[in-house]
PDB file of N, CA and C in Angstrom:
ATOM      1  N   MET A   1      33.937 -18.680 -37.909  1.00  0.00           N
ATOM      2  CA  MET A   1      32.758 -18.681 -38.117  1.00  0.00           C
ATOM      3  C   MET A   1      32.341 -17.788 -39.230  1.00  0.00           C
ATOM      4  N   ALA A   2      32.017 -18.222 -40.560  1.00  0.00           N
ATOM      5  CA  ALA A   2      31.703 -17.450 -41.556  1.00  0.00           C
ATOM      6  C   ALA A   2      30.707 -16.554 -41.681  1.00  0.00           C
ATOM      7  N   ILE A   3      30.772 -15.232 -42.196  1.00  0.00           N
ATOM      8  CA  ILE A   3      29.726 -14.037 -41.941  1.00  0.00           C
ATOM      9  C   ILE A   3      28.815 -14.468 -43.287  1.00  0.00           C
ATOM     10  N   SER A   4      27.510 -14.659 -42.893  1.00  0.00           N
ATOM     11  CA  SER A   4      26.672 -15.063 -44.075  1.00  0.00           C
ATOM     12  C   SER A   4      26.617 -13.678 -44.807  1.00  0.00           C
ATOM     13  N   MET A   5      25.908 -14.369 -46.527  1.00  0.00           N
ATOM     14  CA  MET A   5      25.990 -13.335 -47.157  1.00  0.00           C
ATOM     15  C   MET A   5      24.910 -12.219 -47.138  1.00  0.00           C
ATOM     16  N   HIS A   6      23.895 -12.583 -46.271  1.00  0.00           N
ATOM     17  CA  HIS A   6      22.814 -11.790 -45.697  1.00  0.00           C
ATOM     18  C   HIS A   6      23.495 -10.784 -44.927  1.00  0.00           C
ATOM     19  N   THR A   7      24.165 -10.937 -43.939  1.00  0.00           N
ATOM     20  CA  THR A   7      24.893 -10.273 -42.909  1.00  0.00           C
ATOM     21  C   THR A   7      25.540  -9.102 -43.825  1.00  0.00           C
ATOM     22  N   ARG A   8      26.590  -9.582 -44.686  1.00  0.00           N
ATOM     23  CA  ARG A   8      27.579  -8.899 -45.474  1.00  0.00           C
ATOM     24  C   ARG A   8      26.680  -7.956 -46.305  1.00  0.00           C
ATOM     25  N   ALA A   9      25.580  -8.494 -46.895  1.00  0.00           N
ATOM     26  CA  ALA A   9      24.731  -7.515 -47.704  1.00  0.00           C
ATOM     27  C   ALA A   9      24.189  -6.479 -46.697  1.00  0.00           C
ATOM     28  N   ALA A  10      23.761  -6.671 -45.550  1.00  0.00           N
ATOM     29  CA  ALA A  10      23.153  -5.714 -44.861  1.00  0.00           C
ATOM     30  C   ALA A  10      24.302  -4.633 -44.122  1.00  0.00           C
ATOM     31  N   GLU A  11      25.600  -5.312 -43.943  1.00  0.00           N
ATOM     32  CA  GLU A  11      26.618  -4.305 -43.693  1.00  0.00           C
ATOM     33  C   GLU A  11      26.773  -3.496 -44.786  1.00  0.00           C
ATOM     34  N   LYS A  12      26.907  -3.828 -45.915  1.00  0.00           N
ATOM     35  CA  LYS A  12      27.375  -2.982 -47.085  1.00  0.00           C
ATOM     36  C   LYS A  12      25.982  -1.886 -47.266  1.00  0.00           C
ATOM     37  N   GLU A  13      24.787  -2.528 -46.936  1.00  0.00           N
ATOM     38  CA  GLU A  13      23.826  -1.296 -47.058  1.00  0.00           C
ATOM     39  C   GLU A  13      23.880  -0.349 -46.062  1.00  0.00           C
ATOM     40  N   SER A  14      24.100  -0.753 -44.595  1.00  0.00           N
ATOM     41  CA  SER A  14      24.347   0.418 -43.821  1.00  0.00           C
ATOM     42  C   SER A  14      25.656   1.282 -44.163  1.00  0.00           C
ATOM     43  N   GLN A  15      26.881   0.781 -44.637  1.00  0.00           N
ATOM     44  CA  GLN A  15      27.889   1.654 -45.120  1.00  0.00           C
ATOM     45  C   GLN A  15      27.341   2.568 -46.270  1.00  0.00           C
ATOM     46  N   ALA A  16      26.660   2.218 -47.139  1.00  0.00           N
ATOM     47  CA  ALA A  16      26.105   2.968 -48.162  1.00  0.00           C
ATOM     48  C   ALA A  16      25.288   4.182 -47.881  1.00  0.00           C
ATOM     49  N   ARG A  17      24.410   3.605 -46.773  1.00  0.00           N
ATOM     50  CA  ARG A  17      23.613   4.355 -46.163  1.00  0.00           C
ATOM     51  C   ARG A  17      24.242   5.882 -45.568  1.00  0.00           C
ATOM     52  N   ASN A  18      25.142   5.189 -44.647  1.00  0.00           N
ATOM     53  CA  ASN A  18      26.085   6.009 -43.810  1.00  0.00           C
ATOM     54  C   ASN A  18      26.916   7.160 -45.017  1.00  0.00           C
ATOM     55  N   ALA A  19      27.452   6.572 -46.050  1.00  0.00           N
ATOM     56  CA  ALA A  19      27.809   7.437 -47.000  1.00  0.00           C
ATOM     57  C   ALA A  19      27.112   8.453 -47.538  1.00  0.00           C
ATOM     58  N   LEU A  20      25.556   8.207 -47.923  1.00  0.00           N
ATOM     59  CA  LEU A  20      24.642   9.248 -48.166  1.00  0.00           C
ATOM     60  C   LEU A  20      24.685  10.118 -47.262  1.00  0.00           C
ATOM     61  N   PHE A  21      24.195   9.814 -45.990  1.00  0.00           N
ATOM     62  CA  PHE A  21      24.291  10.960 -44.499  1.00  0.00           C
ATOM     63  C   PHE A  21      25.325  11.652 -44.764  1.00  0.00           C
ATOM     64  N   ASP A  22      26.539  11.225 -44.668  1.00  0.00           N
ATOM     65  CA  ASP A  22      27.884  12.036 -44.628  1.00  0.00           C
ATOM     66  C   ASP A  22      28.127  13.159 -45.735  1.00  0.00           C
ATOM     67  N   ALA A  23      27.320  12.730 -47.041  1.00  0.00           N
ATOM     68  CA  ALA A  23      27.452  13.442 -48.207  1.00  0.00           C
ATOM     69  C   ALA A  23      26.867  14.800 -47.697  1.00  0.00           C
ATOM     70  N   ILE A  24      25.628  14.572 -46.962  1.00  0.00           N
ATOM     71  CA  ILE A  24      24.807  15.757 -46.898  1.00  0.00           C
ATOM     72  C   ILE A  24      25.279  16.205 -45.336  1.00  0.00           C
ATOM     73  N   SER A  25      25.929  15.849 -44.713  1.00  0.00           N
ATOM     74  CA  SER A  25      26.155  16.260 -43.290  1.00  0.00           C
ATOM     75  C   SER A  25      27.509  17.059 -43.212  1.00  0.00           C
ATOM     76  N   PHE A  26      28.503  16.654 -44.331  1.00  0.00           N
ATOM     77  CA  PHE A  26      29.803  17.050 -44.324  1.00  0.00           C
ATOM     78  C   PHE A  26      30.043  17.446 -45.985  1.00  0.00           C
ATOM     79  N   ARG A  27      30.354  18.655 -46.354  1.00  0.00           N
ATOM     80  CA  ARG A  27      30.771  18.988 -47.541  1.00  0.00           C
ATOM     81  C   ARG A  27      31.828  17.861 -47.775  1.00  0.00           C
ATOM     82  N   ASN A  28      31.627  17.039 -48.850  1.00  0.00           N
ATOM     83  CA  ASN A  28      32.570  16.229 -49.569  1.00  0.00           C
ATOM     84  C   ASN A  28      32.426  16.000 -50.816  1.00  0.00           C
ATOM     85  N   SER A  29      33.297  15.219 -51.801  1.00  0.00           N
ATOM     86  CA  SER A  29      32.747  15.268 -53.147  1.00  0.00           C
ATOM     87  C   SER A  29      31.689  14.844 -53.761  1.00  0.00           C
ATOM     88  N   PHE A  30      30.924  14.231 -52.678  1.00  0.00           N
ATOM     89  CA  PHE A  30      29.813  13.669 -53.355  1.00  0.00           C
ATOM     90  C   PHE A  30      28.248  14.280 -52.682  1.00  0.00           C
ATOM     91  N   THR A  31      28.702  15.321 -52.140  1.00  0.00           N
ATOM     92  CA  THR A  31      27.544  16.305 -51.637  1.00  0.00           C
ATOM     93  C   THR A  31      26.693  16.849 -52.848  1.00  0.00           C
ATOM     94  N   GLN A  32      27.390  17.228 -53.832  1.00  0.00           N
ATOM     95  CA  GLN A  32      26.713  17.861 -55.058  1.00  0.00           C
ATOM     96  C   GLN A  32      25.613  16.840 -55.768  1.00  0.00           C
ATOM     97  N   VAL A  33      26.123  15.511 -55.926  1.00  0.00           N
ATOM     98  CA  VAL A  33      25.188  14.626 -56.597  1.00  0.00           C
ATOM     99  C   VAL A  33      24.268  14.461 -55.830  1.00  0.00           C
ATOM    100  N   VAL A  34      24.482  13.920 -54.221  1.00  0.00           N
ATOM    101  CA  VAL A  34      23.015  13.753 -53.560  1.00  0.00           C
ATOM    102  C   VAL A  34      22.216  14.848 -53.539  1.00  0.00           C
ATOM    103  N   MET A  35      22.658  15.916 -53.383  1.00  0.00           N
ATOM    104  CA  MET A  35      21.934  17.287 -53.320  1.00  0.00           C
ATOM    105  C   MET A  35      21.053  17.287 -54.735  1.00  0.00           C
ATOM    106  N   GLN A  36      21.886  17.163 -55.810  1.00  0.00           N
ATOM    107  CA  GLN A  36      21.023  17.372 -57.003  1.00  0.00           C
ATOM    108  C   GLN A  36      20.153  16.351 -57.216  1.00  0.00           C
ATOM    109  N   PHE A  37      20.196  15.109 -56.594  1.00  0.00           N
ATOM    110  CA  PHE A  37      19.153  14.205 -56.721  1.00  0.00           C
ATOM    111  C   PHE A  37      17.855  14.717 -55.820  1.00  0.00           C
ATOM    112  N   ILE A  38      18.328  15.138 -55.038  1.00  0.00           N
ATOM    113  CA  ILE A  38      17.030  15.211 -53.971  1.00  0.00           C
ATOM    114  C   ILE A  38      16.386  16.523 -54.371  1.00  0.00           C
ATOM    115  N   GLN A  39      17.283  17.444 -54.769  1.00  0.00           N
ATOM    116  CA  GLN A  39      16.391  18.899 -55.483  1.00  0.00           C
ATOM    117  C   GLN A  39      15.672  18.583 -56.428  1.00  0.00           C
ATOM    118  N   HIS A  40      16.262  17.676 -57.504  1.00  0.00           N
ATOM    119  CA  HIS A  40      15.550  17.448 -58.486  1.00  0.00           C
ATOM    120  C   HIS A  40      14.349  17.015 -58.028  1.00  0.00           C
ATOM    121  N   HIS A  41      14.131  16.032 -57.236  1.00  0.00           N
ATOM    122  CA  HIS A  41      12.950  15.253 -56.884  1.00  0.00           C
ATOM    123  C   HIS A  41      12.147  16.428 -56.217  1.00  0.00           C
ATOM    124  N   LEU A  42      12.549  17.039 -55.360  1.00  0.00           N
ATOM    125  CA  LEU A  42      11.865  18.039 -54.739  1.00  0.00           C
ATOM    126  C   LEU A  42      11.160  19.056 -55.557  1.00  0.00           C
ATOM    127  N   ASP A  43      11.827  19.446 -56.721  1.00  0.00           N
ATOM    128  CA  ASP A  43      11.277  20.119 -57.637  1.00  0.00           C
ATOM    129  C   ASP A  43      10.248  19.721 -58.653  1.00  0.00           C
ATOM    130  N   THR A  44      10.068  18.347 -58.868  1.00  0.00           N
ATOM    131  CA  THR A  44       9.513  17.693 -59.929  1.00  0.00           C
ATOM    132  C   THR A  44       8.219  16.956 -59.411  1.00  0.00           C
ATOM    133  N   ILE A  45       8.413  16.420 -58.259  1.00  0.00           N
ATOM    134  CA  ILE A  45       7.258  15.667 -57.592  1.00  0.00           C
ATOM    135  C   ILE A  45       6.153  16.566 -57.000  1.00  0.00           C
ATOM    136  N   PRO A  46       4.956  16.063 -57.294  1.00  0.00           N
ATOM    137  CA  PRO A  46       3.707  16.849 -56.602  1.00  0.00           C
ATOM    138  C   PRO A  46       3.959  16.650 -55.045  1.00  0.00           C
ATOM    139  N   ASP A  47       3.676  17.808 -54.285  1.00  0.00           N
ATOM    140  CA  ASP A  47       3.627  18.048 -52.777  1.00  0.00           C
ATOM    141  C   ASP A  47       2.789  16.767 -52.372  1.00  0.00           C
ATOM    142  N   ALA A  48       1.758  16.289 -52.549  1.00  0.00           N
ATOM    143  CA  ALA A  48       1.017  15.070 -52.416  1.00  0.00           C
ATOM    144  C   ALA A  48       1.776  13.746 -52.195  1.00  0.00           C
ATOM    145  N   TYR A  49       2.564  13.806 -52.908  1.00  0.00           N
ATOM    146  CA  TYR A  49       3.519  12.438 -52.719  1.00  0.00           C
ATOM    147  C   TYR A  49       4.464  12.561 -51.545  1.00  0.00           C
ATOM    148  N   TRP A  50       5.089  13.596 -51.442  1.00  0.00           N
ATOM    149  CA  TRP A  50       6.181  14.059 -50.097  1.00  0.00           C
ATOM    150  C   TRP A  50       5.108  13.833 -48.935  1.00  0.00           C
ATOM    151  N   THR A  51       4.101  14.413 -49.300  1.00  0.00           N
ATOM    152  CA  THR A  51       3.052  14.522 -47.854  1.00  0.00           C
ATOM    153  C   THR A  51       2.497  13.094 -47.339  1.00  0.00           C
ATOM    154  N   ALA A  52       2.390  12.281 -48.589  1.00  0.00           N
ATOM    155  CA  ALA A  52       1.879  10.843 -48.196  1.00  0.00           C
ATOM    156  C   ALA A  52       3.030   9.864 -47.837  1.00  0.00           C
ATOM    157  N   HIS A  53       4.318   9.958 -48.202  1.00  0.00           N
ATOM    158  CA  HIS A  53       4.980   9.437 -47.988  1.00  0.00           C
ATOM    159  C   HIS A  53       6.256   9.755 -46.920  1.00  0.00           C
ATOM    160  N   PHE A  54       6.286  11.115 -46.619  1.00  0.00           N
ATOM    161  CA  PHE A  54       7.284  11.816 -45.718  1.00  0.00           C
ATOM    162  C   PHE A  54       6.429  12.649 -44.426  1.00  0.00           C
ATOM    163  N   GLY A  55       5.184  12.703 -44.788  1.00  0.00           N
ATOM    164  CA  GLY A  55       4.645  13.529 -43.751  1.00  0.00           C
ATOM    165  C   GLY A  55       4.645  15.073 -43.746  1.00  0.00           C
ATOM    166  N   SER A  56       5.338  15.503 -44.895  1.00  0.00           N
ATOM    167  CA  SER A  56       5.388  16.910 -45.269  1.00  0.00           C
ATOM    168  C   SER A  56       5.770  17.267 -46.693  1.00  0.00           C
ATOM    169  N   PRO A  57       5.111  18.316 -47.114  1.00  0.00           N
ATOM    170  CA  PRO A  57       5.402  18.683 -48.308  1.00  0.00           C
ATOM    171  C   PRO A  57       6.803  18.912 -48.934  1.00  0.00           C
ATOM    172  N   LYS A  58       7.444  19.348 -47.852  1.00  0.00           N
ATOM    173  CA  LYS A  58       8.888  19.589 -48.344  1.00  0.00           C
ATOM    174  C   LYS A  58       9.754  18.827 -47.186  1.00  0.00           C
ATOM    175  N   PRO A  59      10.134  17.569 -47.157  1.00  0.00           N
ATOM    176  CA  PRO A  59      10.852  16.966 -46.269  1.00  0.00           C
ATOM    177  C   PRO A  59      12.374  17.471 -46.316  1.00  0.00           C
ATOM    178  N   SER A  60      13.052  17.075 -45.374  1.00  0.00           N
ATOM    179  CA  SER A  60      14.452  17.508 -45.183  1.00  0.00           C
ATOM    180  C   SER A  60      15.127  16.410 -45.781  1.00  0.00           C
ATOM    181  N   THR A  61      16.505  16.765 -46.164  1.00  0.00           N
ATOM    182  CA  THR A  61      17.179  15.980 -46.878  1.00  0.00           C
ATOM    183  C   THR A  61      17.596  14.578 -45.933  1.00  0.00           C
ATOM    184  N   GLU A  62      17.653  14.891 -44.693  1.00  0.00           N
ATOM    185  CA  GLU A  62      17.795  13.781 -44.114  1.00  0.00           C
ATOM    186  C   GLU A  62      16.831  12.679 -43.913  1.00  0.00           C
ATOM    187  N   GLN A  63      15.587  13.414 -43.998  1.00  0.00           N
ATOM    188  CA  GLN A  63      14.182  12.567 -43.924  1.00  0.00           C
ATOM    189  C   GLN A  63      14.217  11.515 -45.410  1.00  0.00           C
ATOM    190  N   ILE A  64      14.680  12.383 -46.194  1.00  0.00           N
ATOM    191  CA  ILE A  64      14.435  11.630 -47.738  1.00  0.00           C
ATOM    192  C   ILE A  64      15.603  10.371 -47.917  1.00  0.00           C
ATOM    193  N   ILE A  65      16.844  11.019 -47.243  1.00  0.00           N
ATOM    194  CA  ILE A  65      17.907   9.749 -47.169  1.00  0.00           C
ATOM    195  C   ILE A  65      17.442   8.656 -46.475  1.00  0.00           C
ATOM    196  N   ASP A  66      16.770   9.063 -45.175  1.00  0.00           N
ATOM    197  CA  ASP A  66      16.406   8.140 -44.159  1.00  0.00           C
ATOM    198  C   ASP A  66      15.183   6.972 -44.732  1.00  0.00           C
ATOM    199  N   LYS A  67      14.649   7.414 -45.602  1.00  0.00           N
ATOM    200  CA  LYS A  67      13.473   6.824 -46.100  1.00  0.00           C
ATOM    201  C   LYS A  67      13.778   6.154 -47.715  1.00  0.00           C
ATOM    202  N   LEU A  68      14.865   6.235 -48.534  1.00  0.00           N
ATOM    203  CA  LEU A  68      15.571   5.795 -49.506  1.00  0.00           C
ATOM    204  C   LEU A  68      15.265   4.323 -49.196  1.00  0.00           C
ATOM    205  N   GLU A  69      14.845   3.580 -50.325  1.00  0.00           N
ATOM    206  CA  GLU A  69      14.762   2.083 -50.230  1.00  0.00           C
ATOM    207  C   GLU A  69      15.722   1.674 -51.365  1.00  0.00           C
ATOM    208  N   LEU A  70      16.593   0.324 -50.572  1.00  0.00           N
ATOM    209  CA  LEU A  70      17.456  -0.229 -51.398  1.00  0.00           C
ATOM    210  C   LEU A  70      16.944  -1.008 -52.528  1.00  0.00           C
ATOM    211  N   ASP A  71      17.224  -0.528 -53.973  1.00  0.00           N
ATOM    212  CA  ASP A  71      16.498  -1.245 -55.034  1.00  0.00           C
ATOM    213  C   ASP A  71      17.015  -2.624 -55.244  1.00  0.00           C
ATOM    214  N   ASP A  72      16.249  -3.556 -55.039  1.00  0.00           N
ATOM    215  CA  ASP A  72      16.553  -4.767 -55.452  1.00  0.00           C
ATOM    216  C   ASP A  72      15.934  -5.614 -56.349  1.00  0.00           C
ATOM    217  N   HIS A  73      15.639  -4.713 -57.361  1.00  0.00           N
ATOM    218  CA  HIS A  73      15.141  -5.414 -58.479  1.00  0.00           C
ATOM    219  C   HIS A  73      16.101  -6.242 -59.522  1.00  0.00           C
ATOM    220  N   TYR A  74      17.580  -6.061 -59.053  1.00  0.00           N
ATOM    221  CA  TYR A  74      18.411  -6.959 -59.694  1.00  0.00           C
ATOM    222  C   TYR A  74      18.633  -8.293 -58.673  1.00  0.00           C
ATOM    223  N   ALA A  75      17.852  -8.510 -57.978  1.00  0.00           N
ATOM    224  CA  ALA A  75      18.030  -9.630 -57.134  1.00  0.00           C
ATOM    225  C   ALA A  75      17.384 -10.684 -57.680  1.00  0.00           C
ATOM    226  N   LEU A  76      18.203 -11.256 -59.024  1.00  0.00           N
ATOM    227  CA  LEU A  76      17.612 -12.130 -59.592  1.00  0.00           C
ATOM    228  C   LEU A  76      18.121 -13.722 -59.152  1.00  0.00           C
ATOM    229  N   ASN A  77      17.697 -14.667 -59.543  1.00  0.00           N
ATOM    230  CA  ASN A  77      18.247 -15.936 -59.236  1.00  0.00           C
ATOM    231  C   ASN A  77      19.763 -16.169 -59.305  1.00  0.00           C
ATOM    232  N   ALA A  78      20.366 -16.403 -58.413  1.00  0.00           N
ATOM    233  CA  ALA A  78      21.682 -16.333 -58.532  1.00  0.00           C
ATOM    234  C   ALA A  78      22.448 -17.281 -59.402  1.00  0.00           C
ATOM    235  N   ASP A  79      21.586 -18.217 -59.834  1.00  0.00           N
ATOM    236  CA  ASP A  79      21.922 -19.304 -60.753  1.00  0.00           C
ATOM    237  C   ASP A  79      22.051 -18.632 -61.998  1.00  0.00           C
ATOM    238  N   ASP A  80      21.435 -17.646 -62.263  1.00  0.00           N
ATOM    239  CA  ASP A  80      20.903 -17.078 -63.673  1.00  0.00           C
ATOM    240  C   ASP A  80      22.328 -15.822 -63.969  1.00  0.00           C
ATOM    241  N   LEU A  81      22.964 -15.655 -62.887  1.00  0.00           N
ATOM    242  CA  LEU A  81      24.085 -14.329 -62.844  1.00  0.00           C
ATOM    243  C   LEU A  81      25.446 -15.053 -62.996  1.00  0.00           C
ATOM    244  N   THR A  82      26.273 -14.393 -63.568  1.00  0.00           N
ATOM    245  CA  THR A  82      27.485 -14.963 -63.807  1.00  0.00           C
ATOM    246  C   THR A  82      28.124 -14.403 -62.695  1.00  0.00           C
ATOM    247  N   ASP A  83      29.344 -15.122 -62.148  1.00  0.00           N
ATOM    248  CA  ASP A  83      30.227 -14.471 -60.901  1.00  0.00           C
ATOM    249  C   ASP A  83      30.477 -12.861 -60.964  1.00  0.00           C
ATOM    250  N   ASP A  84      30.700 -12.354 -62.329  1.00  0.00           N
ATOM    251  CA  ASP A  84      30.948 -10.848 -62.581  1.00  0.00           C
ATOM    252  C   ASP A  84      29.701 -10.194 -62.124  1.00  0.00           C
ATOM    253  N   GLU A  85      28.539 -10.637 -62.557  1.00  0.00           N
ATOM    254  CA  GLU A  85      27.277 -10.061 -62.327  1.00  0.00           C
ATOM    255  C   GLU A  85      27.143 -10.038 -60.917  1.00  0.00           C
ATOM    256  N   ILE A  86      27.057 -10.953 -60.266  1.00  0.00           N
ATOM    257  CA  ILE A  86      26.945 -10.924 -58.740  1.00  0.00           C
ATOM    258  C   ILE A  86      27.927 -10.222 -58.060  1.00  0.00           C
ATOM    259  N   LEU A  87      29.164 -10.063 -58.416  1.00  0.00           N
ATOM    260  CA  LEU A  87      30.164  -9.112 -57.866  1.00  0.00           C
ATOM    261  C   LEU A  87      29.940  -7.690 -58.180  1.00  0.00           C
ATOM    262  N   PHE A  88      29.164  -7.317 -59.461  1.00  0.00           N
ATOM    263  CA  PHE A  88      28.756  -6.006 -59.832  1.00  0.00           C
ATOM    264  C   PHE A  88      27.450  -5.695 -58.657  1.00  0.00           C
ATOM    265  N   HIS A  89      26.444  -6.519 -58.657  1.00  0.00           N
ATOM    266  CA  HIS A  89      25.356  -5.968 -57.819  1.00  0.00           C
ATOM    267  C   HIS A  89      25.976  -5.883 -56.489  1.00  0.00           C
ATOM    268  N   GLU A  90      26.844  -6.765 -55.803  1.00  0.00           N
ATOM    269  CA  GLU A  90      27.139  -6.779 -54.325  1.00  0.00           C
ATOM    270  C   GLU A  90      27.996  -5.418 -54.416  1.00  0.00           C
ATOM    271  N   ASN A  91      28.249  -4.619 -55.168  1.00  0.00           N
ATOM    272  CA  ASN A  91      29.258  -3.492 -54.814  1.00  0.00           C
ATOM    273  C   ASN A  91      28.826  -2.291 -55.455  1.00  0.00           C
ATOM    274  N   HIS A  92      27.499  -2.430 -56.264  1.00  0.00           N
ATOM    275  CA  HIS A  92      26.742  -1.207 -56.752  1.00  0.00           C
ATOM    276  C   HIS A  92      25.458  -1.204 -55.985  1.00  0.00           C
ATOM    277  N   LEU A  93      25.042  -0.414 -55.030  1.00  0.00           N
ATOM    278  CA  LEU A  93      24.015  -0.291 -54.354  1.00  0.00           C
ATOM    279  C   LEU A  93      22.874   0.702 -54.886  1.00  0.00           C
ATOM    280  N   ASP A  94      21.853   0.668 -55.274  1.00  0.00           N
ATOM    281  CA  ASP A  94      20.622   1.664 -55.937  1.00  0.00           C
ATOM    282  C   ASP A  94      20.054   1.870 -54.639  1.00  0.00           C
ATOM    283  N   PHE A  95      19.842   3.027 -54.314  1.00  0.00           N
ATOM    284  CA  PHE A  95      18.748   3.689 -53.577  1.00  0.00           C
ATOM    285  C   PHE A  95      17.749   4.485 -54.300  1.00  0.00           C
ATOM    286  N   VAL A  96      16.388   4.191 -54.127  1.00  0.00           N
ATOM    287  CA  VAL A  96      15.429   4.943 -54.821  1.00  0.00           C
ATOM    288  C   VAL A  96      14.359   5.276 -53.930  1.00  0.00           C
ATOM    289  N   LEU A  97      13.364   6.251 -54.297  1.00  0.00           N
ATOM    290  CA  LEU A  97      12.457   6.955 -53.461  1.00  0.00           C
ATOM    291  C   LEU A  97      11.432   5.843 -53.597  1.00  0.00           C
ATOM    292  N   PRO A  98      10.698   5.676 -52.451  1.00  0.00           N
ATOM    293  CA  PRO A  98       9.480   4.982 -52.357  1.00  0.00           C
ATOM    294  C   PRO A  98       8.535   4.954 -53.199  1.00  0.00           C
ATOM    295  N   ALA A  99       7.782   3.950 -53.658  1.00  0.00           N
ATOM    296  CA  ALA A  99       6.671   3.971 -54.537  1.00  0.00           C
ATOM    297  C   ALA A  99       6.727   3.770 -56.045  1.00  0.00           C
ATOM    298  N   ASP A 100       8.049   3.638 -56.458  1.00  0.00           N
ATOM    299  CA  ASP A 100       8.713   3.853 -57.930  1.00  0.00           C
ATOM    300  C   ASP A 100       8.208   5.219 -58.348  1.00  0.00           C
ATOM    301  N   VAL A 101       8.479   6.163 -57.698  1.00  0.00           N
ATOM    302  CA  VAL A 101       8.094   7.240 -58.371  1.00  0.00           C
ATOM    303  C   VAL A 101       9.037   7.942 -59.326  1.00  0.00           C
ATOM    304  N   SER A 102      10.325   7.558 -59.282  1.00  0.00           N
ATOM    305  CA  SER A 102      11.183   8.107 -60.242  1.00  0.00           C
ATOM    306  C   SER A 102      11.834   6.955 -60.898  1.00  0.00           C
ATOM    307  N   ILE A 103      12.516   7.363 -62.089  1.00  0.00           N
ATOM    308  CA  ILE A 103      13.517   6.270 -62.665  1.00  0.00           C
ATOM    309  C   ILE A 103      15.141   6.500 -62.227  1.00  0.00           C
ATOM    310  N   TYR A 104      15.016   7.282 -61.357  1.00  0.00           N
ATOM    311  CA  TYR A 104      16.424   7.798 -61.001  1.00  0.00           C
ATOM    312  C   TYR A 104      16.909   7.096 -59.747  1.00  0.00           C
ATOM    313  N   ALA A 105      18.047   6.862 -59.536  1.00  0.00           N
ATOM    314  CA  ALA A 105      18.330   6.063 -58.147  1.00  0.00           C
ATOM    315  C   ALA A 105      20.019   6.766 -57.836  1.00  0.00           C
ATOM    316  N   LEU A 106      19.922   6.804 -56.531  1.00  0.00           N
ATOM    317  CA  LEU A 106      21.288   7.016 -56.065  1.00  0.00           C
ATOM    318  C   LEU A 106      22.475   5.722 -55.877  1.00  0.00           C
ATOM    319  N   CYS A 107      23.383   5.655 -56.678  1.00  0.00           N
ATOM    320  CA  CYS A 107      23.911   4.356 -56.677  1.00  0.00           C
ATOM    321  C   CYS A 107      25.349   4.861 -55.860  1.00  0.00           C
ATOM    322  N   VAL A 108      25.571   3.909 -54.772  1.00  0.00           N
ATOM    323  CA  VAL A 108      26.753   3.698 -54.002  1.00  0.00           C
ATOM    324  C   VAL A 108      27.610   2.562 -54.289  1.00  0.00           C
ATOM    325  N   SER A 109      28.940   2.984 -54.810  1.00  0.00           N
ATOM    326  CA  SER A 109      29.764   2.059 -55.255  1.00  0.00           C
ATOM    327  C   SER A 109      30.878   1.676 -54.320  1.00  0.00           C
ATOM    328  N   PHE A 110      31.190   0.400 -54.490  1.00  0.00           N
ATOM    329  CA  PHE A 110      32.400   0.003 -53.398  1.00  0.00           C
ATOM    330  C   PHE A 110      33.399  -0.795 -54.359  1.00  0.00           C
ATOM    331  N   GLU A 111      34.761  -0.637 -53.882  1.00  0.00           N
ATOM    332  CA  GLU A 111      35.711  -1.425 -54.523  1.00  0.00           C
ATOM    333  C   GLU A 111      36.605  -1.635 -53.309  1.00  0.00           C
ATOM    334  N   ASN A 112      37.233  -2.876 -53.412  1.00  0.00           N
ATOM    335  CA  ASN A 112      37.849  -3.631 -52.322  1.00  0.00           C
ATOM    336  C   ASN A 112      37.195  -3.186 -50.896  1.00  0.00           C
ATOM    337  N   GLY A 113      35.928  -3.327 -50.913  1.00  0.00           N
ATOM    338  CA  GLY A 113      35.100  -3.146 -49.354  1.00  0.00           C
ATOM    339  C   GLY A 113      35.176  -1.750 -49.091  1.00  0.00           C
ATOM    340  N   LYS A 114      35.334  -0.973 -49.960  1.00  0.00           N
ATOM    341  CA  LYS A 114      35.449   0.507 -49.373  1.00  0.00           C
ATOM    342  C   LYS A 114      34.589   1.376 -50.267  1.00  0.00           C
ATOM    343  N   MET A 115      33.766   2.201 -49.806  1.00  0.00           N
ATOM    344  CA  MET A 115      32.755   3.185 -50.603  1.00  0.00           C
ATOM    345  C   MET A 115      33.700   4.105 -51.495  1.00  0.00           C
ATOM    346  N   TYR A 116      33.754   4.176 -53.047  1.00  0.00           N
ATOM    347  CA  TYR A 116      34.475   4.833 -53.429  1.00  0.00           C
ATOM    348  C   TYR A 116      33.847   6.007 -54.453  1.00  0.00           C
ATOM    349  N   SER A 117      32.230   6.053 -54.448  1.00  0.00           N
ATOM    350  CA  SER A 117      31.620   6.696 -55.199  1.00  0.00           C
ATOM    351  C   SER A 117      30.213   6.629 -55.031  1.00  0.00           C
ATOM    352  N   ILE A 118      29.525   8.191 -55.373  1.00  0.00           N
ATOM    353  CA  ILE A 118      28.015   8.074 -55.506  1.00  0.00           C
ATOM    354  C   ILE A 118      27.715   8.825 -56.690  1.00  0.00           C
ATOM    355  N   SER A 119      26.606   8.090 -57.361  1.00  0.00           N
ATOM    356  CA  SER A 119      26.520   8.601 -58.758  1.00  0.00           C
ATOM    357  C   SER A 119      24.764   8.589 -58.698  1.00  0.00           C
ATOM    358  N   ILE A 120      24.227   9.253 -59.816  1.00  0.00           N
ATOM    359  CA  ILE A 120      22.869   9.150 -60.115  1.00  0.00           C
ATOM    360  C   ILE A 120      22.994   8.228 -61.099  1.00  0.00           C
ATOM    361  N   ALA A 121      22.003   7.018 -61.067  1.00  0.00           N
ATOM    362  CA  ALA A 121      21.738   6.030 -62.075  1.00  0.00           C
ATOM    363  C   ALA A 121      20.342   6.097 -62.446  1.00  0.00           C
ATOM    364  N   ASN A 122      20.139   5.396 -63.770  1.00  0.00           N
ATOM    365  CA  ASN A 122      18.425   5.347 -63.991  1.00  0.00           C
ATOM    366  C   ASN A 122      18.448   3.945 -64.839  1.00  0.00           C
TER     367      ASN A 122
END
């Protein structure tokens, strides 16, 4: 039985989110990138935003990762995308803060089914 595209996407999103949690829970090569993303936003976004969306003016890193949203702005009609564009979007998942408060995203990239990079994208 074939795994549906939706199921594969949900599994990849789960793997990507786990990679973000791993970066803040265990020191690894991606910890600095994730922490830089979080600290930048804590320093530049008013407390009212954090309180409204996270229930605290200074949420924990875990709370922030938990509430990041998968940015699906690229979810265009597949008929409009080339095979290479579809493959790129399936393997580069951008996570953003709620309510379009920032131009930056945490991008989790996959290669051959394995997570290989976390970067800040805009």
